[in-house]
Amino acid sequence: MTRIAVIVALGGFLMGFDASVISGVVRFVEAEFALDALELGWVVASLALTSSFAMLVAGPVSDRIGRRATLRIAAALFFLSAIASAFAPDYLSLVLARMLGGLGVGAALIIAPMYIAELAPAAQRGRLVSINQLNIVVGISAAFFSNYLLLRLGSAPSEFLAALGFGAGTWRWMLGVEALPALFYLFALFAVPESPRRLLLRGEPARARSI
């Protein structure tokens, strides 16, 4: 059960990472796309806008398709958002990519702790659900450390790193690096069972009780 909770709680890590990584990016995109204050605000706030919408619909959607499937969709959205943000050619593309990630943030924020709570034994429920909250903070911290390390690489006098886009394009690496944990999360979710709540909704009470 602890292994399952740790896997599912990676959604909290990605949520924290995605919400915080933009802090190291704003000064780069402001200069590259010549953004005014309102446009820069949209780059930052666009994720929160769609995450609020996702939080409203994630529960009903997961009742229909399952908690596990919803988390897989969230992981795929994190991955696609990271790639699209890293290769965004203009301001609008970046905002839309961040909004895509916001859908994953909202879904993971609601469904990950819900899934763990439904699967965990009553005696362990509080401790296991708290892993997701811990991972949110870990993800926030990881975003700052990742930005710092990438900035150090970007300032290194290396032709190889320059050829990879570091320097003026370091911000693209900051946003794109999230694709790695998102891809790992997507595949790791295939190793966890469906939620008992979903099985009950599908009319499989015996199997749900066995879980």
N, C-alpha and C. Protein backbone atom coordinates (compact mmCIF):
# COMPACT_ATOMS: atom_id res chain seq x y z
N MET A 1 0.83 -1.20 0.00
CA MET A 1 0.00 0.00 0.00
C MET A 1 0.87 1.26 0.00
N THR A 2 1.98 1.21 0.73
CA THR A 2 2.89 2.36 0.74
C THR A 2 3.48 2.59 -0.64
N ARG A 3 3.84 1.50 -1.32
CA ARG A 3 4.39 1.63 -2.68
C ARG A 3 3.36 2.28 -3.61
N ILE A 4 2.11 1.84 -3.52
CA ILE A 4 1.06 2.42 -4.36
C ILE A 4 0.87 3.90 -4.05
N ALA A 5 0.87 4.23 -2.77
CA ALA A 5 0.67 5.63 -2.37
C ALA A 5 1.81 6.50 -2.87
N VAL A 6 3.03 6.00 -2.81
CA VAL A 6 4.19 6.77 -3.28
C VAL A 6 4.09 7.02 -4.78
N ILE A 7 3.67 5.99 -5.53
CA ILE A 7 3.51 6.16 -6.99
C ILE A 7 2.44 7.19 -7.30
N VAL A 8 1.28 7.03 -6.70
CA VAL A 8 0.17 7.93 -6.98
C VAL A 8 0.50 9.36 -6.55
N ALA A 9 1.23 9.50 -5.44
CA ALA A 9 1.57 10.82 -4.92
C ALA A 9 2.57 11.56 -5.79
N LEU A 10 3.14 10.91 -6.79
CA LEU A 10 3.98 11.63 -7.74
C LEU A 10 3.18 12.71 -8.47
N GLY A 11 1.86 12.54 -8.50
CA GLY A 11 1.01 13.60 -9.05
C GLY A 11 1.15 14.88 -8.25
N GLY A 12 1.29 14.76 -6.92
CA GLY A 12 1.53 15.93 -6.09
C GLY A 12 2.86 16.58 -6.39
N PHE A 13 3.88 15.74 -6.62
CA PHE A 13 5.21 16.27 -6.98
C PHE A 13 5.13 17.08 -8.28
N LEU A 14 4.48 16.52 -9.29
CA LEU A 14 4.37 17.22 -10.57
C LEU A 14 3.55 18.50 -10.45
N MET A 15 2.52 18.44 -9.60
CA MET A 15 1.71 19.63 -9.38
C MET A 15 2.56 20.75 -8.78
N GLY A 16 3.34 20.43 -7.73
CA GLY A 16 4.19 21.43 -7.10
C GLY A 16 5.26 21.94 -8.04
N PHE A 17 5.85 21.03 -8.81
CA PHE A 17 6.90 21.41 -9.75
C PHE A 17 6.36 22.35 -10.82
N ASP A 18 5.23 21.97 -11.41
CA ASP A 18 4.65 22.75 -12.50
C ASP A 18 4.24 24.14 -12.03
N ALA A 19 3.72 24.23 -10.83
CA ALA A 19 3.25 25.52 -10.33
C ALA A 19 4.40 26.46 -10.00
N SER A 20 5.59 25.91 -9.68
CA SER A 20 6.70 26.74 -9.20
C SER A 20 7.77 26.99 -10.24
N VAL A 21 7.89 26.12 -11.23
CA VAL A 21 9.00 26.25 -12.18
C VAL A 21 8.93 27.54 -12.97
N ILE A 22 7.74 28.08 -13.13
CA ILE A 22 7.57 29.31 -13.91
C ILE A 22 8.30 30.49 -13.28
N SER A 23 8.59 30.42 -11.97
CA SER A 23 9.25 31.54 -11.29
C SER A 23 10.63 31.83 -11.88
N GLY A 24 11.31 30.80 -12.38
CA GLY A 24 12.62 31.03 -12.97
C GLY A 24 12.58 31.39 -14.44
N VAL A 25 11.40 31.38 -15.02
CA VAL A 25 11.24 31.55 -16.46
C VAL A 25 10.82 32.95 -16.85
N VAL A 26 10.14 33.64 -15.94
CA VAL A 26 9.44 34.88 -16.32
C VAL A 26 10.37 35.94 -16.92
N ARG A 27 11.55 36.09 -16.35
CA ARG A 27 12.41 37.16 -16.86
C ARG A 27 12.95 36.83 -18.26
N PHE A 28 13.07 35.54 -18.57
CA PHE A 28 13.52 35.15 -19.89
C PHE A 28 12.44 35.38 -20.94
N VAL A 29 11.22 34.91 -20.65
CA VAL A 29 10.15 35.03 -21.65
C VAL A 29 9.71 36.48 -21.80
N GLU A 30 9.82 37.25 -20.73
CA GLU A 30 9.47 38.67 -20.83
C GLU A 30 10.34 39.36 -21.86
N ALA A 31 11.64 39.03 -21.85
CA ALA A 31 12.56 39.64 -22.81
C ALA A 31 12.41 39.03 -24.19
N GLU A 32 12.28 37.70 -24.26
CA GLU A 32 12.25 37.03 -25.57
C GLU A 32 11.01 37.38 -26.37
N PHE A 33 9.86 37.46 -25.70
CA PHE A 33 8.61 37.72 -26.41
C PHE A 33 8.14 39.17 -26.27
N ALA A 34 8.96 40.02 -25.63
CA ALA A 34 8.63 41.44 -25.44
C ALA A 34 7.26 41.61 -24.81
N LEU A 35 7.06 40.99 -23.65
CA LEU A 35 5.76 40.97 -23.00
C LEU A 35 5.55 42.21 -22.15
N ASP A 36 4.32 42.69 -22.11
CA ASP A 36 3.98 43.73 -21.14
C ASP A 36 3.53 43.06 -19.85
N ALA A 37 3.16 43.86 -18.85
CA ALA A 37 2.84 43.31 -17.53
C ALA A 37 1.64 42.38 -17.58
N LEU A 38 0.63 42.73 -18.37
CA LEU A 38 -0.57 41.90 -18.46
C LEU A 38 -0.25 40.55 -19.11
N GLU A 39 0.50 40.57 -20.17
CA GLU A 39 0.86 39.32 -20.85
C GLU A 39 1.72 38.44 -19.96
N LEU A 40 2.64 39.05 -19.24
CA LEU A 40 3.47 38.27 -18.32
C LEU A 40 2.62 37.66 -17.21
N GLY A 41 1.64 38.41 -16.75
CA GLY A 41 0.73 37.88 -15.75
C GLY A 41 -0.04 36.68 -16.25
N TRP A 42 -0.43 36.70 -17.53
CA TRP A 42 -1.14 35.57 -18.11
C TRP A 42 -0.25 34.34 -18.21
N VAL A 43 1.03 34.53 -18.50
CA VAL A 43 1.96 33.39 -18.55
C VAL A 43 1.99 32.68 -17.20
N VAL A 44 1.96 33.46 -16.13
CA VAL A 44 2.02 32.88 -14.78
C VAL A 44 0.67 32.33 -14.34
N ALA A 45 -0.40 33.09 -14.59
CA ALA A 45 -1.71 32.75 -14.03
C ALA A 45 -2.51 31.77 -14.87
N SER A 46 -2.11 31.53 -16.10
CA SER A 46 -2.90 30.67 -16.98
C SER A 46 -3.03 29.25 -16.43
N LEU A 47 -1.99 28.77 -15.77
CA LEU A 47 -2.05 27.44 -15.18
C LEU A 47 -3.11 27.36 -14.09
N ALA A 48 -3.18 28.39 -13.24
CA ALA A 48 -4.17 28.39 -12.16
C ALA A 48 -5.59 28.46 -12.70
N LEU A 49 -5.77 29.13 -13.82
CA LEU A 49 -7.11 29.27 -14.40
C LEU A 49 -7.67 27.91 -14.80
N THR A 50 -6.91 27.14 -15.58
CA THR A 50 -7.41 25.86 -16.03
C THR A 50 -7.37 24.80 -14.93
N SER A 51 -6.46 24.95 -13.97
CA SER A 51 -6.45 23.99 -12.87
C SER A 51 -7.72 24.12 -12.03
N SER A 52 -8.24 25.33 -11.89
CA SER A 52 -9.50 25.52 -11.17
C SER A 52 -10.64 24.81 -11.88
N PHE A 53 -10.66 24.92 -13.21
CA PHE A 53 -11.69 24.22 -13.99
C PHE A 53 -11.54 22.71 -13.84
N ALA A 54 -10.30 22.22 -13.92
CA ALA A 54 -10.07 20.77 -13.82
C ALA A 54 -10.49 20.24 -12.46
N MET A 55 -10.31 21.02 -11.41
CA MET A 55 -10.71 20.59 -10.08
C MET A 55 -12.22 20.39 -10.00
N LEU A 56 -12.98 21.16 -10.77
CA LEU A 56 -14.44 21.04 -10.75
C LEU A 56 -14.92 19.79 -11.47
N VAL A 57 -14.21 19.39 -12.52
CA VAL A 57 -14.71 18.29 -13.36
C VAL A 57 -13.96 16.97 -13.12
N ALA A 58 -12.83 17.00 -12.43
CA ALA A 58 -12.03 15.78 -12.27
C ALA A 58 -12.78 14.69 -11.52
N GLY A 59 -13.52 15.08 -10.48
CA GLY A 59 -14.25 14.09 -9.70
C GLY A 59 -15.29 13.34 -10.52
N PRO A 60 -16.23 14.06 -11.19
CA PRO A 60 -17.21 13.36 -12.03
C PRO A 60 -16.57 12.55 -13.16
N VAL A 61 -15.51 13.09 -13.75
CA VAL A 61 -14.83 12.34 -14.81
C VAL A 61 -14.24 11.05 -14.27
N SER A 62 -13.62 11.12 -13.09
CA SER A 62 -13.02 9.91 -12.53
C SER A 62 -14.08 8.89 -12.10
N ASP A 63 -15.29 9.35 -11.77
CA ASP A 63 -16.38 8.41 -11.48
C ASP A 63 -16.76 7.62 -12.73
N ARG A 64 -16.62 8.24 -13.88
CA ARG A 64 -17.01 7.59 -15.13
C ARG A 64 -15.91 6.68 -15.68
N ILE A 65 -14.66 7.16 -15.64
CA ILE A 65 -13.59 6.39 -16.29
C ILE A 65 -12.62 5.76 -15.30
N GLY A 66 -12.73 6.13 -14.01
CA GLY A 66 -11.85 5.56 -13.00
C GLY A 66 -10.79 6.54 -12.54
N ARG A 67 -10.38 6.39 -11.26
CA ARG A 67 -9.34 7.27 -10.71
C ARG A 67 -8.01 7.07 -11.44
N ARG A 68 -7.65 5.81 -11.65
CA ARG A 68 -6.38 5.49 -12.28
C ARG A 68 -6.30 6.07 -13.69
N ALA A 69 -7.35 5.90 -14.47
CA ALA A 69 -7.35 6.43 -15.84
C ALA A 69 -7.27 7.95 -15.84
N THR A 70 -7.94 8.59 -14.89
CA THR A 70 -7.89 10.06 -14.79
C THR A 70 -6.48 10.53 -14.47
N LEU A 71 -5.81 9.81 -13.57
CA LEU A 71 -4.43 10.18 -13.24
C LEU A 71 -3.50 9.96 -14.43
N ARG A 72 -3.76 8.94 -15.22
CA ARG A 72 -2.95 8.73 -16.43
C ARG A 72 -3.12 9.89 -17.40
N ILE A 73 -4.36 10.35 -17.53
CA ILE A 73 -4.60 11.51 -18.39
C ILE A 73 -3.86 12.73 -17.85
N ALA A 74 -3.89 12.91 -16.53
CA ALA A 74 -3.18 14.04 -15.92
C ALA A 74 -1.68 13.94 -16.20
N ALA A 75 -1.12 12.74 -16.08
CA ALA A 75 0.31 12.55 -16.35
C ALA A 75 0.62 12.88 -17.80
N ALA A 76 -0.24 12.45 -18.71
CA ALA A 76 -0.04 12.76 -20.14
C ALA A 76 -0.12 14.26 -20.38
N LEU A 77 -1.02 14.94 -19.68
CA LEU A 77 -1.13 16.39 -19.82
C LEU A 77 0.12 17.09 -19.30
N PHE A 78 0.65 16.62 -18.18
CA PHE A 78 1.92 17.18 -17.67
C PHE A 78 3.02 17.03 -18.72
N PHE A 79 3.11 15.84 -19.31
CA PHE A 79 4.15 15.57 -20.30
C PHE A 79 3.99 16.47 -21.53
N LEU A 80 2.79 16.51 -22.07
CA LEU A 80 2.55 17.32 -23.27
C LEU A 80 2.77 18.80 -22.99
N SER A 81 2.36 19.25 -21.82
CA SER A 81 2.54 20.66 -21.46
C SER A 81 4.02 21.01 -21.37
N ALA A 82 4.82 20.12 -20.78
CA ALA A 82 6.25 20.38 -20.65
C ALA A 82 6.91 20.49 -22.02
N ILE A 83 6.59 19.56 -22.92
CA ILE A 83 7.18 19.58 -24.25
C ILE A 83 6.71 20.81 -25.04
N ALA A 84 5.41 21.08 -24.99
CA ALA A 84 4.87 22.23 -25.73
C ALA A 84 5.42 23.54 -25.18
N SER A 85 5.60 23.64 -23.87
CA SER A 85 6.15 24.86 -23.29
C SER A 85 7.61 25.06 -23.70
N ALA A 86 8.36 23.97 -23.73
CA ALA A 86 9.78 24.05 -24.07
C ALA A 86 9.99 24.50 -25.52
N PHE A 87 9.05 24.13 -26.40
CA PHE A 87 9.20 24.47 -27.81
C PHE A 87 8.28 25.60 -28.26
N ALA A 88 7.68 26.30 -27.29
CA ALA A 88 6.73 27.36 -27.64
C ALA A 88 7.41 28.44 -28.50
N PRO A 89 6.88 28.70 -29.69
CA PRO A 89 7.52 29.70 -30.57
C PRO A 89 7.10 31.14 -30.27
N ASP A 90 6.01 31.30 -29.51
CA ASP A 90 5.53 32.65 -29.24
C ASP A 90 4.75 32.67 -27.92
N TYR A 91 4.31 33.85 -27.56
CA TYR A 91 3.62 34.07 -26.29
C TYR A 91 2.34 33.25 -26.19
N LEU A 92 1.51 33.26 -27.22
CA LEU A 92 0.23 32.56 -27.17
C LEU A 92 0.45 31.05 -27.02
N SER A 93 1.42 30.52 -27.73
CA SER A 93 1.70 29.08 -27.63
C SER A 93 2.12 28.72 -26.22
N LEU A 94 2.91 29.57 -25.59
CA LEU A 94 3.36 29.31 -24.22
C LEU A 94 2.19 29.32 -23.25
N VAL A 95 1.31 30.30 -23.38
CA VAL A 95 0.14 30.38 -22.50
C VAL A 95 -0.74 29.14 -22.67
N LEU A 96 -0.99 28.74 -23.91
CA LEU A 96 -1.82 27.55 -24.15
C LEU A 96 -1.16 26.29 -23.60
N ALA A 97 0.15 26.19 -23.72
CA ALA A 97 0.86 25.04 -23.17
C ALA A 97 0.75 25.01 -21.65
N ARG A 98 0.87 26.17 -21.02
CA ARG A 98 0.73 26.25 -19.56
C ARG A 98 -0.70 25.92 -19.14
N MET A 99 -1.67 26.32 -19.91
CA MET A 99 -3.06 26.00 -19.60
C MET A 99 -3.30 24.50 -19.68
N LEU A 100 -2.65 23.85 -20.63
CA LEU A 100 -2.74 22.40 -20.73
C LEU A 100 -2.20 21.74 -19.47
N GLY A 101 -1.08 22.24 -18.98
CA GLY A 101 -0.53 21.72 -17.73
C GLY A 101 -1.45 21.98 -16.55
N GLY A 102 -2.17 23.09 -16.58
CA GLY A 102 -3.09 23.40 -15.51
C GLY A 102 -4.19 22.37 -15.37
N LEU A 103 -4.61 21.78 -16.49
CA LEU A 103 -5.61 20.71 -16.43
C LEU A 103 -5.05 19.51 -15.66
N GLY A 104 -3.79 19.20 -15.90
CA GLY A 104 -3.15 18.11 -15.15
C GLY A 104 -3.00 18.44 -13.68
N VAL A 105 -2.64 19.68 -13.38
CA VAL A 105 -2.50 20.11 -11.98
C VAL A 105 -3.81 19.94 -11.23
N GLY A 106 -4.90 20.44 -11.79
CA GLY A 106 -6.19 20.36 -11.12
C GLY A 106 -6.64 18.93 -10.91
N ALA A 107 -6.45 18.09 -11.93
CA ALA A 107 -6.86 16.69 -11.82
C ALA A 107 -6.03 15.96 -10.76
N ALA A 108 -4.71 16.16 -10.79
CA ALA A 108 -3.84 15.48 -9.82
C ALA A 108 -4.12 15.95 -8.40
N LEU A 109 -4.39 17.24 -8.23
CA LEU A 109 -4.63 17.79 -6.90
C LEU A 109 -5.86 17.16 -6.25
N ILE A 110 -6.87 16.84 -7.03
CA ILE A 110 -8.10 16.27 -6.51
C ILE A 110 -8.04 14.75 -6.44
N ILE A 111 -7.60 14.11 -7.51
CA ILE A 111 -7.75 12.66 -7.65
C ILE A 111 -6.67 11.88 -6.90
N ALA A 112 -5.44 12.38 -6.87
CA ALA A 112 -4.37 11.62 -6.20
C ALA A 112 -4.69 11.35 -4.72
N PRO A 113 -5.00 12.37 -3.90
CA PRO A 113 -5.33 12.08 -2.50
C PRO A 113 -6.64 11.30 -2.36
N MET A 114 -7.59 11.51 -3.28
CA MET A 114 -8.84 10.76 -3.25
C MET A 114 -8.57 9.27 -3.47
N TYR A 115 -7.74 8.97 -4.45
CA TYR A 115 -7.40 7.58 -4.76
C TYR A 115 -6.73 6.91 -3.56
N ILE A 116 -5.74 7.60 -2.98
CA ILE A 116 -5.02 7.02 -1.84
C ILE A 116 -5.96 6.79 -0.67
N ALA A 117 -6.85 7.74 -0.40
CA ALA A 117 -7.79 7.61 0.72
C ALA A 117 -8.74 6.44 0.51
N GLU A 118 -9.17 6.22 -0.72
CA GLU A 118 -10.10 5.12 -1.00
C GLU A 118 -9.42 3.76 -0.90
N LEU A 119 -8.14 3.70 -1.17
CA LEU A 119 -7.44 2.43 -1.19
C LEU A 119 -6.81 2.08 0.16
N ALA A 120 -6.48 3.09 0.95
CA ALA A 120 -5.72 2.86 2.18
C ALA A 120 -6.59 2.28 3.29
N PRO A 121 -6.03 1.37 4.09
CA PRO A 121 -6.74 0.92 5.31
C PRO A 121 -6.94 2.10 6.25
N ALA A 122 -8.00 2.05 7.03
CA ALA A 122 -8.35 3.18 7.90
C ALA A 122 -7.21 3.58 8.83
N ALA A 123 -6.47 2.60 9.34
CA ALA A 123 -5.40 2.89 10.30
C ALA A 123 -4.22 3.61 9.65
N GLN A 124 -4.08 3.49 8.32
CA GLN A 124 -2.94 4.10 7.63
C GLN A 124 -3.34 5.28 6.76
N ARG A 125 -4.63 5.58 6.72
CA ARG A 125 -5.14 6.53 5.73
C ARG A 125 -4.50 7.92 5.87
N GLY A 126 -4.46 8.45 7.05
CA GLY A 126 -3.91 9.80 7.23
C GLY A 126 -2.45 9.87 6.83
N ARG A 127 -1.68 8.87 7.25
CA ARG A 127 -0.24 8.87 6.94
C ARG A 127 0.01 8.75 5.45
N LEU A 128 -0.76 7.90 4.78
CA LEU A 128 -0.52 7.68 3.36
C LEU A 128 -0.99 8.86 2.51
N VAL A 129 -2.13 9.46 2.88
CA VAL A 129 -2.60 10.62 2.14
C VAL A 129 -1.63 11.79 2.29
N SER A 130 -0.99 11.89 3.45
CA SER A 130 -0.05 12.98 3.69
C SER A 130 1.18 12.89 2.79
N ILE A 131 1.45 11.72 2.22
CA ILE A 131 2.57 11.59 1.28
C ILE A 131 2.35 12.50 0.07
N ASN A 132 1.09 12.59 -0.36
CA ASN A 132 0.79 13.46 -1.49
C ASN A 132 1.06 14.92 -1.15
N GLN A 133 0.67 15.34 0.06
CA GLN A 133 0.92 16.72 0.47
C GLN A 133 2.42 16.99 0.59
N LEU A 134 3.15 16.01 1.12
CA LEU A 134 4.60 16.15 1.21
C LEU A 134 5.21 16.30 -0.17
N ASN A 135 4.72 15.52 -1.12
CA ASN A 135 5.28 15.57 -2.47
C ASN A 135 5.03 16.90 -3.17
N ILE A 136 3.95 17.57 -2.81
CA ILE A 136 3.71 18.90 -3.38
C ILE A 136 4.84 19.84 -2.98
N VAL A 137 5.20 19.81 -1.70
CA VAL A 137 6.28 20.67 -1.20
C VAL A 137 7.62 20.26 -1.81
N VAL A 138 7.84 18.94 -1.92
CA VAL A 138 9.07 18.44 -2.55
C VAL A 138 9.14 18.91 -4.00
N GLY A 139 8.01 18.87 -4.71
CA GLY A 139 7.98 19.32 -6.09
C GLY A 139 8.28 20.80 -6.22
N ILE A 140 7.76 21.61 -5.30
CA ILE A 140 8.06 23.05 -5.30
C ILE A 140 9.55 23.28 -5.11
N SER A 141 10.14 22.57 -4.14
CA SER A 141 11.57 22.72 -3.87
C SER A 141 12.40 22.23 -5.06
N ALA A 142 11.99 21.10 -5.67
CA ALA A 142 12.71 20.55 -6.81
C ALA A 142 12.73 21.52 -7.98
N ALA A 143 11.64 22.26 -8.17
CA ALA A 143 11.58 23.23 -9.27
C ALA A 143 12.63 24.32 -9.08
N PHE A 144 12.79 24.81 -7.85
CA PHE A 144 13.78 25.85 -7.60
C PHE A 144 15.20 25.33 -7.77
N PHE A 145 15.47 24.12 -7.28
CA PHE A 145 16.80 23.54 -7.44
C PHE A 145 17.08 23.26 -8.92
N SER A 146 16.08 22.76 -9.64
CA SER A 146 16.25 22.49 -11.06
C SER A 146 16.56 23.77 -11.82
N ASN A 147 15.82 24.82 -11.53
CA ASN A 147 16.08 26.10 -12.19
C ASN A 147 17.49 26.60 -11.90
N TYR A 148 17.91 26.44 -10.64
CA TYR A 148 19.24 26.90 -10.26
C TYR A 148 20.33 26.14 -11.03
N LEU A 149 20.21 24.83 -11.08
CA LEU A 149 21.22 24.02 -11.76
C LEU A 149 21.25 24.31 -13.25
N LEU A 150 20.08 24.48 -13.85
CA LEU A 150 20.03 24.78 -15.29
C LEU A 150 20.58 26.17 -15.58
N LEU A 151 20.36 27.11 -14.69
CA LEU A 151 20.96 28.44 -14.86
C LEU A 151 22.48 28.37 -14.78
N ARG A 152 22.99 27.54 -13.87
CA ARG A 152 24.43 27.37 -13.79
C ARG A 152 24.98 26.75 -15.07
N LEU A 153 24.29 25.77 -15.61
CA LEU A 153 24.71 25.18 -16.88
C LEU A 153 24.65 26.21 -18.01
N GLY A 154 23.60 27.03 -17.99
CA GLY A 154 23.44 28.02 -19.03
C GLY A 154 24.52 29.09 -19.03
N SER A 155 25.10 29.33 -17.87
CA SER A 155 26.16 30.35 -17.77
C SER A 155 27.56 29.77 -17.97
N ALA A 156 27.65 28.45 -18.13
CA ALA A 156 28.96 27.81 -18.32
C ALA A 156 29.47 28.07 -19.74
N PRO A 157 30.76 28.36 -19.88
CA PRO A 157 31.34 28.62 -21.22
C PRO A 157 31.58 27.32 -21.98
N SER A 158 30.55 26.77 -22.56
CA SER A 158 30.65 25.49 -23.24
C SER A 158 29.94 25.57 -24.58
N GLU A 159 30.64 25.24 -25.66
CA GLU A 159 30.02 25.23 -26.98
C GLU A 159 28.98 24.13 -27.09
N PHE A 160 29.23 23.01 -26.40
CA PHE A 160 28.29 21.90 -26.44
C PHE A 160 26.96 22.31 -25.82
N LEU A 161 27.00 22.96 -24.63
CA LEU A 161 25.78 23.40 -23.98
C LEU A 161 25.08 24.48 -24.80
N ALA A 162 25.86 25.35 -25.43
CA ALA A 162 25.27 26.38 -26.28
C ALA A 162 24.54 25.75 -27.46
N ALA A 163 25.11 24.68 -28.00
CA ALA A 163 24.47 23.99 -29.12
C ALA A 163 23.16 23.32 -28.70
N LEU A 164 23.05 22.97 -27.41
CA LEU A 164 21.83 22.37 -26.89
C LEU A 164 20.76 23.41 -26.54
N GLY A 165 21.10 24.67 -26.70
CA GLY A 165 20.12 25.72 -26.45
C GLY A 165 20.24 26.40 -25.12
N PHE A 166 21.27 26.07 -24.35
CA PHE A 166 21.47 26.76 -23.08
C PHE A 166 21.95 28.19 -23.35
N GLY A 167 21.76 29.04 -22.34
CA GLY A 167 22.05 30.46 -22.53
C GLY A 167 20.73 31.19 -22.64
N ALA A 168 20.46 31.75 -23.80
CA ALA A 168 19.20 32.45 -24.00
C ALA A 168 18.01 31.50 -23.95
N GLY A 169 18.25 30.22 -24.27
CA GLY A 169 17.16 29.24 -24.27
C GLY A 169 17.10 28.37 -23.03
N THR A 170 17.79 28.78 -21.97
CA THR A 170 17.78 27.99 -20.74
C THR A 170 16.35 27.81 -20.20
N TRP A 171 15.53 28.83 -20.38
CA TRP A 171 14.16 28.76 -19.86
C TRP A 171 13.39 27.61 -20.49
N ARG A 172 13.73 27.25 -21.72
CA ARG A 172 13.04 26.14 -22.38
C ARG A 172 13.39 24.82 -21.69
N TRP A 173 14.63 24.68 -21.27
CA TRP A 173 15.02 23.49 -20.51
C TRP A 173 14.33 23.46 -19.15
N MET A 174 14.17 24.63 -18.53
CA MET A 174 13.49 24.69 -17.23
C MET A 174 12.09 24.13 -17.32
N LEU A 175 11.38 24.49 -18.38
CA LEU A 175 10.01 24.01 -18.56
C LEU A 175 9.97 22.59 -19.08
N GLY A 176 10.93 22.23 -19.93
CA GLY A 176 10.89 20.92 -20.56
C GLY A 176 11.33 19.78 -19.68
N VAL A 177 12.13 20.06 -18.65
CA VAL A 177 12.67 18.97 -17.83
C VAL A 177 11.56 18.22 -17.09
N GLU A 178 10.42 18.85 -16.92
CA GLU A 178 9.29 18.19 -16.25
C GLU A 178 8.78 16.99 -17.04
N ALA A 179 9.09 16.93 -18.32
CA ALA A 179 8.63 15.81 -19.14
C ALA A 179 9.16 14.47 -18.62
N LEU A 180 10.33 14.47 -18.02
CA LEU A 180 10.92 13.21 -17.55
C LEU A 180 10.13 12.60 -16.39
N PRO A 181 9.90 13.33 -15.27
CA PRO A 181 9.08 12.73 -14.21
C PRO A 181 7.64 12.48 -14.64
N ALA A 182 7.12 13.30 -15.56
CA ALA A 182 5.75 13.08 -16.04
C ALA A 182 5.65 11.77 -16.81
N LEU A 183 6.64 11.49 -17.63
CA LEU A 183 6.64 10.24 -18.39
C LEU A 183 6.79 9.04 -17.46
N PHE A 184 7.66 9.17 -16.45
CA PHE A 184 7.81 8.11 -15.47
C PHE A 184 6.50 7.87 -14.73
N TYR A 185 5.81 8.94 -14.36
CA TYR A 185 4.54 8.84 -13.64
C TYR A 185 3.49 8.12 -14.49
N LEU A 186 3.45 8.46 -15.77
CA LEU A 186 2.48 7.85 -16.68
C LEU A 186 2.65 6.33 -16.71
N PHE A 187 3.87 5.86 -16.84
CA PHE A 187 4.11 4.42 -16.92
C PHE A 187 3.99 3.75 -15.56
N ALA A 188 4.39 4.46 -14.49
CA ALA A 188 4.29 3.88 -13.15
C ALA A 188 2.85 3.63 -12.74
N LEU A 189 1.92 4.42 -13.27
CA LEU A 189 0.51 4.25 -12.93
C LEU A 189 -0.07 2.94 -13.45
N PHE A 190 0.60 2.31 -14.40
CA PHE A 190 0.15 1.01 -14.87
C PHE A 190 0.41 -0.09 -13.84
N ALA A 191 1.19 0.24 -12.80
CA ALA A 191 1.52 -0.75 -11.77
C ALA A 191 0.63 -0.63 -10.55
N VAL A 192 -0.41 0.20 -10.60
CA VAL A 192 -1.30 0.35 -9.45
C VAL A 192 -2.69 -0.16 -9.82
N PRO A 193 -3.46 -0.64 -8.85
CA PRO A 193 -4.81 -1.16 -9.14
C PRO A 193 -5.83 -0.03 -9.27
N GLU A 194 -7.01 -0.38 -9.72
CA GLU A 194 -8.10 0.59 -9.78
C GLU A 194 -8.62 0.82 -8.37
N SER A 195 -9.22 1.99 -8.16
CA SER A 195 -9.78 2.35 -6.87
C SER A 195 -11.00 1.48 -6.54
N PRO A 196 -11.15 1.07 -5.26
CA PRO A 196 -12.34 0.31 -4.87
C PRO A 196 -13.64 1.06 -5.17
N ARG A 197 -13.60 2.37 -5.06
CA ARG A 197 -14.79 3.18 -5.34
C ARG A 197 -15.22 3.00 -6.79
N ARG A 198 -14.26 2.97 -7.70
CA ARG A 198 -14.58 2.78 -9.11
C ARG A 198 -15.16 1.39 -9.35
N LEU A 199 -14.61 0.38 -8.67
CA LEU A 199 -15.12 -0.98 -8.84
C LEU A 199 -16.55 -1.09 -8.34
N LEU A 200 -16.85 -0.40 -7.24
CA LEU A 200 -18.22 -0.42 -6.72
C LEU A 200 -19.18 0.25 -7.70
N LEU A 201 -18.74 1.34 -8.31
CA LEU A 201 -19.58 2.02 -9.29
C LEU A 201 -19.83 1.15 -10.51
N ARG A 202 -18.90 0.26 -10.80
CA ARG A 202 -19.06 -0.66 -11.92
C ARG A 202 -19.79 -1.94 -11.52
N GLY A 203 -20.18 -2.04 -10.25
CA GLY A 203 -20.93 -3.20 -9.80
C GLY A 203 -20.06 -4.39 -9.51
N GLU A 204 -18.84 -4.18 -8.98
CA GLU A 204 -17.94 -5.27 -8.63
C GLU A 204 -17.60 -5.19 -7.14
N PRO A 205 -18.60 -5.33 -6.24
CA PRO A 205 -18.36 -5.16 -4.81
C PRO A 205 -17.40 -6.18 -4.23
N ALA A 206 -17.43 -7.44 -4.67
CA ALA A 206 -16.57 -8.46 -4.10
C ALA A 206 -15.11 -8.13 -4.35
N ARG A 207 -14.78 -7.76 -5.57
CA ARG A 207 -13.40 -7.41 -5.89
C ARG A 207 -12.98 -6.15 -5.14
N ALA A 208 -13.89 -5.19 -5.01
CA ALA A 208 -13.57 -3.96 -4.29
C ALA A 208 -13.25 -4.27 -2.83
N ARG A 209 -14.01 -5.17 -2.21
CA ARG A 209 -13.73 -5.50 -0.82
C ARG A 209 -12.39 -6.21 -0.66
N SER A 210 -12.02 -7.01 -1.67
CA SER A 210 -10.75 -7.72 -1.57
C SER A 210 -9.58 -6.78 -1.63
N ILE A 211 -9.72 -5.65 -2.38
CA ILE A 211 -8.67 -4.65 -2.43
C ILE A 211 -8.58 -3.92 -1.09
